[in-house]
Amino acid sequence: MTASAWLAVGEDHYYPDVFVTCGQDNPCGYVRTDPTVIIEVQGRSTSRTDRGEKRLAYRRLPSLREYVLVWQDRMQVEVHGVDGDDVTVLEEEHDVLGLASIEFEMTLADIHV
């Protein structure tokens, strides 16, 4: 992924803070439609859009397995599962963010360095 890569969700286009794809190489280069994990960093100006519009749009992507919200001003991470109703909230520095879809683990202490 390049710094200018973006996601197409139907007719809409989004620039997530981080996303991981596990599909084939994309001949279009900068446009992806198949993220496995999307991570958005929460700030005052972005939280409402990330938790509302973007979350609902991303749920339409068949490839998406985990949607992660990371707060920049406090030790908190939310992991939203595929169905949107399964939410895990992590708030302690020893809590481990585990993303099964990409076999990734990291403590909140390491995320919020």
PDB file of N, CA and C in Angstrom:
ATOM      1  N   MET A   1       0.834  -1.170   0.000  1.00  0.00           N
ATOM      2  CA  MET A   1       0.000   0.000   0.000  1.00  0.00           C
ATOM      3  C   MET A   1       0.881   1.236   0.000  1.00  0.00           C
ATOM      4  N   THR A   2       0.451   2.216  -0.729  1.00  0.00           N
ATOM      5  CA  THR A   2       1.170   3.478  -0.750  1.00  0.00           C
ATOM      6  C   THR A   2       0.436   4.487   0.124  1.00  0.00           C
ATOM      7  N   ALA A   3       1.085   5.570   0.431  1.00  0.00           N
ATOM      8  CA  ALA A   3       0.487   6.588   1.293  1.00  0.00           C
ATOM      9  C   ALA A   3      -0.758   7.200   0.674  1.00  0.00           C
ATOM     10  N   SER A   4      -0.889   7.155  -0.635  1.00  0.00           N
ATOM     11  CA  SER A   4      -2.036   7.773  -1.283  1.00  0.00           C
ATOM     12  C   SER A   4      -3.101   6.755  -1.719  1.00  0.00           C
ATOM     13  N   ALA A   5      -3.016   5.530  -1.246  1.00  0.00           N
ATOM     14  CA  ALA A   5      -4.016   4.521  -1.593  1.00  0.00           C
ATOM     15  C   ALA A   5      -5.340   4.849  -0.916  1.00  0.00           C
ATOM     16  N   TRP A   6      -6.446   4.513  -1.571  1.00  0.00           N
ATOM     17  CA  TRP A   6      -7.754   4.763  -1.011  1.00  0.00           C
ATOM     18  C   TRP A   6      -8.674   3.594  -1.275  1.00  0.00           C
ATOM     19  N   LEU A   7      -9.779   3.563  -0.536  1.00  0.00           N
ATOM     20  CA  LEU A   7     -10.759   2.486  -0.665  1.00  0.00           C
ATOM     21  C   LEU A   7     -11.978   2.978  -1.419  1.00  0.00           C
ATOM     22  N   ALA A   8     -12.458   2.153  -2.323  1.00  0.00           N
ATOM     23  CA  ALA A   8     -13.715   2.424  -3.003  1.00  0.00           C
ATOM     24  C   ALA A   8     -14.769   1.515  -2.375  1.00  0.00           C
ATOM     25  N   VAL A   9     -15.843   2.132  -1.909  1.00  0.00           N
ATOM     26  CA  VAL A   9     -16.980   1.394  -1.348  1.00  0.00           C
ATOM     27  C   VAL A   9     -18.184   1.840  -2.152  1.00  0.00           C
ATOM     28  N   GLY A  10     -18.542   1.037  -3.141  1.00  0.00           N
ATOM     29  CA  GLY A  10     -19.582   1.460  -4.064  1.00  0.00           C
ATOM     30  C   GLY A  10     -19.115   2.706  -4.797  1.00  0.00           C
ATOM     31  N   GLU A  11     -19.933   3.758  -4.760  1.00  0.00           N
ATOM     32  CA  GLU A  11     -19.588   5.027  -5.403  1.00  0.00           C
ATOM     33  C   GLU A  11     -18.778   5.950  -4.490  1.00  0.00           C
ATOM     34  N   ASP A  12     -18.631   5.565  -3.225  1.00  0.00           N
ATOM     35  CA  ASP A  12     -17.925   6.402  -2.255  1.00  0.00           C
ATOM     36  C   ASP A  12     -16.448   6.033  -2.188  1.00  0.00           C
ATOM     37  N   HIS A  13     -15.639   6.994  -1.769  1.00  0.00           N
ATOM     38  CA  HIS A  13     -14.190   6.790  -1.641  1.00  0.00           C
ATOM     39  C   HIS A  13     -13.740   7.271  -0.274  1.00  0.00           C
ATOM     40  N   TYR A  14     -12.870   6.475   0.365  1.00  0.00           N
ATOM     41  CA  TYR A  14     -12.388   6.791   1.708  1.00  0.00           C
ATOM     42  C   TYR A  14     -10.873   6.618   1.775  1.00  0.00           C
ATOM     43  N   TYR A  15     -10.272   7.383   2.684  1.00  0.00           N
ATOM     44  CA  TYR A  15      -8.836   7.300   2.951  1.00  0.00           C
ATOM     45  C   TYR A  15      -8.643   6.877   4.407  1.00  0.00           C
ATOM     46  N   PRO A  16      -8.702   5.578   4.703  1.00  0.00           N
ATOM     47  CA  PRO A  16      -8.496   5.149   6.089  1.00  0.00           C
ATOM     48  C   PRO A  16      -7.060   5.453   6.530  1.00  0.00           C
ATOM     49  N   ASP A  17      -6.867   5.545   7.858  1.00  0.00           N
ATOM     50  CA  ASP A  17      -5.518   5.784   8.368  1.00  0.00           C
ATOM     51  C   ASP A  17      -4.595   4.616   8.032  1.00  0.00           C
ATOM     52  N   VAL A  18      -5.104   3.394   8.201  1.00  0.00           N
ATOM     53  CA  VAL A  18      -4.340   2.181   7.869  1.00  0.00           C
ATOM     54  C   VAL A  18      -5.323   1.141   7.360  1.00  0.00           C
ATOM     55  N   PHE A  19      -4.932   0.397   6.337  1.00  0.00           N
ATOM     56  CA  PHE A  19      -5.712  -0.784   5.977  1.00  0.00           C
ATOM     57  C   PHE A  19      -4.788  -1.852   5.433  1.00  0.00           C
ATOM     58  N   VAL A  20      -5.236  -3.095   5.610  1.00  0.00           N
ATOM     59  CA  VAL A  20      -4.459  -4.257   5.173  1.00  0.00           C
ATOM     60  C   VAL A  20      -5.320  -5.046   4.208  1.00  0.00           C
ATOM     61  N   THR A  21      -4.743  -5.425   3.088  1.00  0.00           N
ATOM     62  CA  THR A  21      -5.438  -6.284   2.143  1.00  0.00           C
ATOM     63  C   THR A  21      -4.687  -7.606   2.039  1.00  0.00           C
ATOM     64  N   CYS A  22      -5.431  -8.667   1.864  1.00  0.00           N
ATOM     65  CA  CYS A  22      -4.824  -9.991   1.727  1.00  0.00           C
ATOM     66  C   CYS A  22      -5.165 -10.600   0.374  1.00  0.00           C
ATOM     67  N   GLY A  23      -5.690  -9.792  -0.524  1.00  0.00           N
ATOM     68  CA  GLY A  23      -6.079 -10.280  -1.838  1.00  0.00           C
ATOM     69  C   GLY A  23      -4.949 -10.202  -2.842  1.00  0.00           C
ATOM     70  N   GLN A  24      -5.312 -10.315  -4.081  1.00  0.00           N
ATOM     71  CA  GLN A  24      -4.356 -10.254  -5.180  1.00  0.00           C
ATOM     72  C   GLN A  24      -3.863  -8.827  -5.369  1.00  0.00           C
ATOM     73  N   ASP A  25      -2.722  -8.691  -6.049  1.00  0.00           N
ATOM     74  CA  ASP A  25      -2.249  -7.362  -6.404  1.00  0.00           C
ATOM     75  C   ASP A  25      -3.299  -6.670  -7.255  1.00  0.00           C
ATOM     76  N   ASN A  26      -3.429  -5.384  -7.045  1.00  0.00           N
ATOM     77  CA  ASN A  26      -4.435  -4.610  -7.744  1.00  0.00           C
ATOM     78  C   ASN A  26      -3.801  -3.872  -8.915  1.00  0.00           C
ATOM     79  N   PRO A  27      -4.240  -4.151 -10.146  1.00  0.00           N
ATOM     80  CA  PRO A  27      -3.651  -3.466 -11.301  1.00  0.00           C
ATOM     81  C   PRO A  27      -3.926  -1.961 -11.303  1.00  0.00           C
ATOM     82  N   CYS A  28      -4.944  -1.512 -10.568  1.00  0.00           N
ATOM     83  CA  CYS A  28      -5.245  -0.081 -10.508  1.00  0.00           C
ATOM     84  C   CYS A  28      -4.287   0.659  -9.578  1.00  0.00           C
ATOM     85  N   GLY A  29      -3.544  -0.067  -8.766  1.00  0.00           N
ATOM     86  CA  GLY A  29      -2.545   0.538  -7.906  1.00  0.00           C
ATOM     87  C   GLY A  29      -3.065   1.250  -6.678  1.00  0.00           C
ATOM     88  N   TYR A  30      -3.651   2.420  -6.838  1.00  0.00           N
ATOM     89  CA  TYR A  30      -4.023   3.258  -5.707  1.00  0.00           C
ATOM     90  C   TYR A  30      -5.421   3.002  -5.169  1.00  0.00           C
ATOM     91  N   VAL A  31      -6.247   2.269  -5.889  1.00  0.00           N
ATOM     92  CA  VAL A  31      -7.629   2.031  -5.484  1.00  0.00           C
ATOM     93  C   VAL A  31      -7.783   0.587  -5.034  1.00  0.00           C
ATOM     94  N   ARG A  32      -8.337   0.400  -3.821  1.00  0.00           N
ATOM     95  CA  ARG A  32      -8.577  -0.959  -3.324  1.00  0.00           C
ATOM     96  C   ARG A  32     -10.045  -1.090  -2.944  1.00  0.00           C
ATOM     97  N   THR A  33     -10.533  -2.307  -3.045  1.00  0.00           N
ATOM     98  CA  THR A  33     -11.917  -2.606  -2.677  1.00  0.00           C
ATOM     99  C   THR A  33     -12.001  -3.813  -1.752  1.00  0.00           C
ATOM    100  N   ASP A  34     -10.837  -4.351  -1.354  1.00  0.00           N
ATOM    101  CA  ASP A  34     -10.827  -5.628  -0.641  1.00  0.00           C
ATOM    102  C   ASP A  34     -10.025  -5.628   0.663  1.00  0.00           C
ATOM    103  N   PRO A  35     -10.245  -4.653   1.567  1.00  0.00           N
ATOM    104  CA  PRO A  35      -9.475  -4.646   2.806  1.00  0.00           C
ATOM    105  C   PRO A  35      -9.905  -5.786   3.733  1.00  0.00           C
ATOM    106  N   THR A  36      -8.948  -6.335   4.450  1.00  0.00           N
ATOM    107  CA  THR A  36      -9.232  -7.341   5.468  1.00  0.00           C
ATOM    108  C   THR A  36      -9.385  -6.666   6.819  1.00  0.00           C
ATOM    109  N   VAL A  37      -8.534  -5.673   7.081  1.00  0.00           N
ATOM    110  CA  VAL A  37      -8.555  -4.898   8.324  1.00  0.00           C
ATOM    111  C   VAL A  37      -8.478  -3.418   7.961  1.00  0.00           C
ATOM    112  N   ILE A  38      -9.292  -2.611   8.657  1.00  0.00           N
ATOM    113  CA  ILE A  38      -9.230  -1.157   8.523  1.00  0.00           C
ATOM    114  C   ILE A  38      -9.026  -0.590   9.920  1.00  0.00           C
ATOM    115  N   ILE A  39      -8.073   0.348  10.043  1.00  0.00           N
ATOM    116  CA  ILE A  39      -7.797   0.998  11.323  1.00  0.00           C
ATOM    117  C   ILE A  39      -7.951   2.499  11.146  1.00  0.00           C
ATOM    118  N   GLU A  40      -8.757   3.097  12.014  1.00  0.00           N
ATOM    119  CA  GLU A  40      -8.933   4.546  12.012  1.00  0.00           C
ATOM    120  C   GLU A  40      -8.485   5.094  13.364  1.00  0.00           C
ATOM    121  N   VAL A  41      -7.691   6.164  13.343  1.00  0.00           N
ATOM    122  CA  VAL A  41      -7.253   6.840  14.560  1.00  0.00           C
ATOM    123  C   VAL A  41      -8.300   7.891  14.907  1.00  0.00           C
ATOM    124  N   GLN A  42      -8.766   7.836  16.146  1.00  0.00           N
ATOM    125  CA  GLN A  42      -9.844   8.710  16.589  1.00  0.00           C
ATOM    126  C   GLN A  42      -9.319  10.024  17.149  1.00  0.00           C
ATOM    127  N   GLY A  43      -9.836  11.090  16.604  1.00  0.00           N
ATOM    128  CA  GLY A  43      -9.557  12.431  17.106  1.00  0.00           C
ATOM    129  C   GLY A  43     -10.876  13.176  17.201  1.00  0.00           C
ATOM    130  N   ARG A  44     -10.843  14.356  17.775  1.00  0.00           N
ATOM    131  CA  ARG A  44     -12.077  15.131  17.940  1.00  0.00           C
ATOM    132  C   ARG A  44     -12.784  15.380  16.622  1.00  0.00           C
ATOM    133  N   SER A  45     -12.016  15.648  15.583  1.00  0.00           N
ATOM    134  CA  SER A  45     -12.625  16.014  14.307  1.00  0.00           C
ATOM    135  C   SER A  45     -13.024  14.807  13.451  1.00  0.00           C
ATOM    136  N   THR A  46     -12.565  13.603  13.781  1.00  0.00           N
ATOM    137  CA  THR A  46     -12.838  12.451  12.919  1.00  0.00           C
ATOM    138  C   THR A  46     -13.734  11.387  13.544  1.00  0.00           C
ATOM    139  N   SER A  47     -13.894  11.405  14.843  1.00  0.00           N
ATOM    140  CA  SER A  47     -14.582  10.320  15.540  1.00  0.00           C
ATOM    141  C   SER A  47     -16.012  10.099  15.051  1.00  0.00           C
ATOM    142  N   ARG A  48     -16.766  11.160  14.893  1.00  0.00           N
ATOM    143  CA  ARG A  48     -18.171  11.020  14.479  1.00  0.00           C
ATOM    144  C   ARG A  48     -18.272  10.340  13.102  1.00  0.00           C
ATOM    145  N   THR A  49     -17.439  10.749  12.162  1.00  0.00           N
ATOM    146  CA  THR A  49     -17.458  10.155  10.820  1.00  0.00           C
ATOM    147  C   THR A  49     -16.977   8.709  10.849  1.00  0.00           C
ATOM    148  N   ASP A  50     -15.889   8.442  11.592  1.00  0.00           N
ATOM    149  CA  ASP A  50     -15.345   7.077  11.664  1.00  0.00           C
ATOM    150  C   ASP A  50     -16.335   6.109  12.300  1.00  0.00           C
ATOM    151  N   ARG A  51     -17.019   6.539  13.354  1.00  0.00           N
ATOM    152  CA  ARG A  51     -17.950   5.667  14.077  1.00  0.00           C
ATOM    153  C   ARG A  51     -19.312   5.570  13.387  1.00  0.00           C
ATOM    154  N   GLY A  52     -19.620   6.510  12.531  1.00  0.00           N
ATOM    155  CA  GLY A  52     -20.915   6.533  11.866  1.00  0.00           C
ATOM    156  C   GLY A  52     -20.827   6.153  10.403  1.00  0.00           C
ATOM    157  N   GLU A  53     -20.655   7.165   9.561  1.00  0.00           N
ATOM    158  CA  GLU A  53     -20.666   6.977   8.107  1.00  0.00           C
ATOM    159  C   GLU A  53     -19.676   5.915   7.626  1.00  0.00           C
ATOM    160  N   LYS A  54     -18.418   6.033   8.067  1.00  0.00           N
ATOM    161  CA  LYS A  54     -17.408   5.092   7.577  1.00  0.00           C
ATOM    162  C   LYS A  54     -17.684   3.669   8.062  1.00  0.00           C
ATOM    163  N   ARG A  55     -18.041   3.520   9.336  1.00  0.00           N
ATOM    164  CA  ARG A  55     -18.310   2.178   9.869  1.00  0.00           C
ATOM    165  C   ARG A  55     -19.424   1.502   9.080  1.00  0.00           C
ATOM    166  N   LEU A  56     -20.485   2.221   8.810  1.00  0.00           N
ATOM    167  CA  LEU A  56     -21.599   1.647   8.052  1.00  0.00           C
ATOM    168  C   LEU A  56     -21.192   1.316   6.614  1.00  0.00           C
ATOM    169  N   ALA A  57     -20.411   2.191   5.992  1.00  0.00           N
ATOM    170  CA  ALA A  57     -19.949   1.940   4.618  1.00  0.00           C
ATOM    171  C   ALA A  57     -19.032   0.728   4.571  1.00  0.00           C
ATOM    172  N   TYR A  58     -18.079   0.666   5.498  1.00  0.00           N
ATOM    173  CA  TYR A  58     -17.112  -0.429   5.499  1.00  0.00           C
ATOM    174  C   TYR A  58     -17.783  -1.780   5.719  1.00  0.00           C
ATOM    175  N   ARG A  59     -18.881  -1.813   6.453  1.00  0.00           N
ATOM    176  CA  ARG A  59     -19.590  -3.087   6.696  1.00  0.00           C
ATOM    177  C   ARG A  59     -20.099  -3.699   5.397  1.00  0.00           C
ATOM    178  N   ARG A  60     -20.190  -2.909   4.342  1.00  0.00           N
ATOM    179  CA  ARG A  60     -20.652  -3.415   3.041  1.00  0.00           C
ATOM    180  C   ARG A  60     -19.558  -4.155   2.286  1.00  0.00           C
ATOM    181  N   LEU A  61     -18.318  -4.076   2.776  1.00  0.00           N
ATOM    182  CA  LEU A  61     -17.199  -4.725   2.083  1.00  0.00           C
ATOM    183  C   LEU A  61     -17.118  -6.205   2.486  1.00  0.00           C
ATOM    184  N   PRO A  62     -17.316  -7.128   1.560  1.00  0.00           N
ATOM    185  CA  PRO A  62     -17.316  -8.556   1.905  1.00  0.00           C
ATOM    186  C   PRO A  62     -15.978  -9.063   2.429  1.00  0.00           C
ATOM    187  N   SER A  63     -14.884  -8.406   2.090  1.00  0.00           N
ATOM    188  CA  SER A  63     -13.555  -8.864   2.519  1.00  0.00           C
ATOM    189  C   SER A  63     -13.216  -8.445   3.954  1.00  0.00           C
ATOM    190  N   LEU A  64     -13.907  -7.439   4.492  1.00  0.00           N
ATOM    191  CA  LEU A  64     -13.550  -6.875   5.791  1.00  0.00           C
ATOM    192  C   LEU A  64     -13.831  -7.861   6.932  1.00  0.00           C
ATOM    193  N   ARG A  65     -12.824  -8.074   7.774  1.00  0.00           N
ATOM    194  CA  ARG A  65     -12.957  -8.964   8.932  1.00  0.00           C
ATOM    195  C   ARG A  65     -12.925  -8.204  10.252  1.00  0.00           C
ATOM    196  N   GLU A  66     -12.160  -7.095  10.297  1.00  0.00           N
ATOM    197  CA  GLU A  66     -12.066  -6.313  11.524  1.00  0.00           C
ATOM    198  C   GLU A  66     -11.938  -4.830  11.207  1.00  0.00           C
ATOM    199  N   TYR A  67     -12.675  -4.043  11.970  1.00  0.00           N
ATOM    200  CA  TYR A  67     -12.611  -2.582  11.884  1.00  0.00           C
ATOM    201  C   TYR A  67     -12.157  -2.103  13.246  1.00  0.00           C
ATOM    202  N   VAL A  68     -11.042  -1.377  13.293  1.00  0.00           N
ATOM    203  CA  VAL A  68     -10.401  -1.007  14.552  1.00  0.00           C
ATOM    204  C   VAL A  68     -10.377   0.514  14.700  1.00  0.00           C
ATOM    205  N   LEU A  69     -10.805   0.979  15.881  1.00  0.00           N
ATOM    206  CA  LEU A  69     -10.754   2.391  16.216  1.00  0.00           C
ATOM    207  C   LEU A  69      -9.741   2.566  17.333  1.00  0.00           C
ATOM    208  N   VAL A  70      -8.741   3.415  17.114  1.00  0.00           N
ATOM    209  CA  VAL A  70      -7.685   3.668  18.092  1.00  0.00           C
ATOM    210  C   VAL A  70      -7.761   5.135  18.483  1.00  0.00           C
ATOM    211  N   TRP A  71      -7.942   5.392  19.786  1.00  0.00           N
ATOM    212  CA  TRP A  71      -8.010   6.767  20.268  1.00  0.00           C
ATOM    213  C   TRP A  71      -6.608   7.335  20.404  1.00  0.00           C
ATOM    214  N   GLN A  72      -6.428   8.565  19.948  1.00  0.00           N
ATOM    215  CA  GLN A  72      -5.111   9.185  20.023  1.00  0.00           C
ATOM    216  C   GLN A  72      -4.873   9.872  21.359  1.00  0.00           C
ATOM    217  N   ASP A  73      -5.930  10.238  22.072  1.00  0.00           N
ATOM    218  CA  ASP A  73      -5.767  10.996  23.308  1.00  0.00           C
ATOM    219  C   ASP A  73      -6.020  10.193  24.578  1.00  0.00           C
ATOM    220  N   ARG A  74      -6.297   8.906  24.456  1.00  0.00           N
ATOM    221  CA  ARG A  74      -6.476   8.055  25.628  1.00  0.00           C
ATOM    222  C   ARG A  74      -6.195   6.610  25.243  1.00  0.00           C
ATOM    223  N   MET A  75      -5.922   5.787  26.233  1.00  0.00           N
ATOM    224  CA  MET A  75      -5.616   4.385  25.977  1.00  0.00           C
ATOM    225  C   MET A  75      -6.930   3.623  25.790  1.00  0.00           C
ATOM    226  N   GLN A  76      -7.381   3.586  24.566  1.00  0.00           N
ATOM    227  CA  GLN A  76      -8.608   2.859  24.237  1.00  0.00           C
ATOM    228  C   GLN A  76      -8.563   2.426  22.785  1.00  0.00           C
ATOM    229  N   VAL A  77      -8.948   1.173  22.575  1.00  0.00           N
ATOM    230  CA  VAL A  77      -9.049   0.604  21.233  1.00  0.00           C
ATOM    231  C   VAL A  77     -10.348  -0.189  21.183  1.00  0.00           C
ATOM    232  N   GLU A  78     -11.093  -0.038  20.098  1.00  0.00           N
ATOM    233  CA  GLU A  78     -12.301  -0.831  19.864  1.00  0.00           C
ATOM    234  C   GLU A  78     -12.069  -1.679  18.624  1.00  0.00           C
ATOM    235  N   VAL A  79     -12.419  -2.950  18.716  1.00  0.00           N
ATOM    236  CA  VAL A  79     -12.344  -3.841  17.560  1.00  0.00           C
ATOM    237  C   VAL A  79     -13.768  -4.261  17.230  1.00  0.00           C
ATOM    238  N   HIS A  80     -14.213  -3.897  16.049  1.00  0.00           N
ATOM    239  CA  HIS A  80     -15.552  -4.239  15.577  1.00  0.00           C
ATOM    240  C   HIS A  80     -15.433  -5.434  14.642  1.00  0.00           C
ATOM    241  N   GLY A  81     -16.215  -6.461  14.915  1.00  0.00           N
ATOM    242  CA  GLY A  81     -16.208  -7.654  14.070  1.00  0.00           C
ATOM    243  C   GLY A  81     -17.013  -7.455  12.806  1.00  0.00           C
ATOM    244  N   VAL A  82     -17.102  -8.495  12.020  1.00  0.00           N
ATOM    245  CA  VAL A  82     -17.754  -8.444  10.711  1.00  0.00           C
ATOM    246  C   VAL A  82     -19.223  -8.053  10.793  1.00  0.00           C
ATOM    247  N   ASP A  83     -19.944  -8.590  11.766  1.00  0.00           N
ATOM    248  CA  ASP A  83     -21.380  -8.319  11.830  1.00  0.00           C
ATOM    249  C   ASP A  83     -21.705  -6.940  12.384  1.00  0.00           C
ATOM    250  N   GLY A  84     -20.716  -6.250  12.943  1.00  0.00           N
ATOM    251  CA  GLY A  84     -20.927  -4.912  13.463  1.00  0.00           C
ATOM    252  C   GLY A  84     -21.444  -4.881  14.890  1.00  0.00           C
ATOM    253  N   ASP A  85     -22.029  -5.981  15.366  1.00  0.00           N
ATOM    254  CA  ASP A  85     -22.545  -6.028  16.727  1.00  0.00           C
ATOM    255  C   ASP A  85     -21.500  -6.547  17.707  1.00  0.00           C
ATOM    256  N   ASP A  86     -20.496  -7.248  17.217  1.00  0.00           N
ATOM    257  CA  ASP A  86     -19.441  -7.822  18.045  1.00  0.00           C
ATOM    258  C   ASP A  86     -18.341  -6.778  18.223  1.00  0.00           C
ATOM    259  N   VAL A  87     -18.287  -6.157  19.432  1.00  0.00           N
ATOM    260  CA  VAL A  87     -17.301  -5.102  19.701  1.00  0.00           C
ATOM    261  C   VAL A  87     -16.496  -5.481  20.938  1.00  0.00           C
ATOM    262  N   THR A  88     -15.178  -5.409  20.806  1.00  0.00           N
ATOM    263  CA  THR A  88     -14.281  -5.617  21.935  1.00  0.00           C
ATOM    264  C   THR A  88     -13.624  -4.291  22.259  1.00  0.00           C
ATOM    265  N   VAL A  89     -13.716  -3.869  23.527  1.00  0.00           N
ATOM    266  CA  VAL A  89     -13.111  -2.612  23.962  1.00  0.00           C
ATOM    267  C   VAL A  89     -11.916  -2.939  24.844  1.00  0.00           C
ATOM    268  N   LEU A  90     -10.772  -2.372  24.509  1.00  0.00           N
ATOM    269  CA  LEU A  90      -9.536  -2.561  25.264  1.00  0.00           C
ATOM    270  C   LEU A  90      -9.146  -1.212  25.858  1.00  0.00           C
ATOM    271  N   GLU A  91      -8.801  -1.204  27.178  1.00  0.00           N
ATOM    272  CA  GLU A  91      -8.509   0.073  27.832  1.00  0.00           C
ATOM    273  C   GLU A  91      -7.314   0.035  28.783  1.00  0.00           C
ATOM    274  N   GLU A  92      -6.713  -1.107  28.962  1.00  0.00           N
ATOM    275  CA  GLU A  92      -5.591  -1.228  29.888  1.00  0.00           C
ATOM    276  C   GLU A  92      -4.304  -1.447  29.105  1.00  0.00           C
ATOM    277  N   GLU A  93      -3.197  -0.928  29.612  1.00  0.00           N
ATOM    278  CA  GLU A  93      -1.938  -1.021  28.871  1.00  0.00           C
ATOM    279  C   GLU A  93      -1.490  -2.452  28.626  1.00  0.00           C
ATOM    280  N   HIS A  94      -1.908  -3.411  29.467  1.00  0.00           N
ATOM    281  CA  HIS A  94      -1.530  -4.810  29.263  1.00  0.00           C
ATOM    282  C   HIS A  94      -2.503  -5.559  28.347  1.00  0.00           C
ATOM    283  N   ASP A  95      -3.642  -4.913  27.989  1.00  0.00           N
ATOM    284  CA  ASP A  95      -4.579  -5.544  27.052  1.00  0.00           C
ATOM    285  C   ASP A  95      -3.896  -5.758  25.704  1.00  0.00           C
ATOM    286  N   VAL A  96      -4.268  -6.833  25.038  1.00  0.00           N
ATOM    287  CA  VAL A  96      -3.646  -7.176  23.755  1.00  0.00           C
ATOM    288  C   VAL A  96      -4.652  -7.001  22.626  1.00  0.00           C
ATOM    289  N   LEU A  97      -4.274  -6.187  21.669  1.00  0.00           N
ATOM    290  CA  LEU A  97      -5.057  -6.062  20.440  1.00  0.00           C
ATOM    291  C   LEU A  97      -4.701  -7.266  19.592  1.00  0.00           C
ATOM    292  N   GLY A  98      -5.667  -8.136  19.367  1.00  0.00           N
ATOM    293  CA  GLY A  98      -5.449  -9.312  18.542  1.00  0.00           C
ATOM    294  C   GLY A  98      -6.324  -9.260  17.303  1.00  0.00           C
ATOM    295  N   LEU A  99      -5.705  -9.320  16.154  1.00  0.00           N
ATOM    296  CA  LEU A  99      -6.433  -9.319  14.878  1.00  0.00           C
ATOM    297  C   LEU A  99      -6.215 -10.673  14.227  1.00  0.00           C
ATOM    298  N   ALA A 100      -7.165 -11.565  14.443  1.00  0.00           N
ATOM    299  CA  ALA A 100      -7.035 -12.945  13.976  1.00  0.00           C
ATOM    300  C   ALA A 100      -6.907 -13.030  12.460  1.00  0.00           C
ATOM    301  N   SER A 101      -7.557 -12.149  11.744  1.00  0.00           N
ATOM    302  CA  SER A 101      -7.577 -12.226  10.286  1.00  0.00           C
ATOM    303  C   SER A 101      -6.197 -12.047   9.659  1.00  0.00           C
ATOM    304  N   ILE A 102      -5.303 -11.353  10.368  1.00  0.00           N
ATOM    305  CA  ILE A 102      -3.950 -11.145   9.829  1.00  0.00           C
ATOM    306  C   ILE A 102      -2.878 -11.651  10.801  1.00  0.00           C
ATOM    307  N   GLU A 103      -3.308 -12.412  11.800  1.00  0.00           N
ATOM    308  CA  GLU A 103      -2.392 -12.998  12.785  1.00  0.00           C
ATOM    309  C   GLU A 103      -1.481 -11.939  13.393  1.00  0.00           C
ATOM    310  N   PHE A 104      -2.091 -10.911  13.973  1.00  0.00           N
ATOM    311  CA  PHE A 104      -1.369  -9.772  14.538  1.00  0.00           C
ATOM    312  C   PHE A 104      -1.754  -9.599  15.996  1.00  0.00           C
ATOM    313  N   GLU A 105      -0.757  -9.323  16.845  1.00  0.00           N
ATOM    314  CA  GLU A 105      -1.001  -9.006  18.244  1.00  0.00           C
ATOM    315  C   GLU A 105      -0.049  -7.911  18.691  1.00  0.00           C
ATOM    316  N   MET A 106      -0.594  -6.981  19.539  1.00  0.00           N
ATOM    317  CA  MET A 106       0.227  -5.910  20.097  1.00  0.00           C
ATOM    318  C   MET A 106      -0.483  -5.389  21.348  1.00  0.00           C
ATOM    319  N   THR A 107       0.284  -5.101  22.395  1.00  0.00           N
ATOM    320  CA  THR A 107      -0.322  -4.547  23.600  1.00  0.00           C
ATOM    321  C   THR A 107      -0.672  -3.080  23.383  1.00  0.00           C
ATOM    322  N   LEU A 108      -1.628  -2.619  24.169  1.00  0.00           N
ATOM    323  CA  LEU A 108      -1.978  -1.207  24.078  1.00  0.00           C
ATOM    324  C   LEU A 108      -0.807  -0.326  24.502  1.00  0.00           C
ATOM    325  N   ALA A 109       0.007  -0.804  25.430  1.00  0.00           N
ATOM    326  CA  ALA A 109       1.192  -0.043  25.841  1.00  0.00           C
ATOM    327  C   ALA A 109       2.110   0.213  24.652  1.00  0.00           C
ATOM    328  N   ASP A 110       2.229  -0.776  23.758  1.00  0.00           N
ATOM    329  CA  ASP A 110       3.081  -0.609  22.575  1.00  0.00           C
ATOM    330  C   ASP A 110       2.421   0.290  21.524  1.00  0.00           C
ATOM    331  N   ILE A 111       1.116   0.276  21.477  1.00  0.00           N
ATOM    332  CA  ILE A 111       0.406   1.128  20.521  1.00  0.00           C
ATOM    333  C   ILE A 111       0.494   2.587  20.949  1.00  0.00           C
ATOM    334  N   HIS A 112       0.321   2.830  22.236  1.00  0.00           N
ATOM    335  CA  HIS A 112       0.290   4.195  22.773  1.00  0.00           C
ATOM    336  C   HIS A 112       1.643   4.563  23.377  1.00  0.00           C
ATOM    337  N   VAL A 113       2.685   4.455  22.603  1.00  0.00           N
ATOM    338  CA  VAL A 113       4.037   4.801  23.075  1.00  0.00           C
ATOM    339  C   VAL A 113       4.217   6.287  23.053  1.00  0.00           C
TER     340      VAL A 113
END
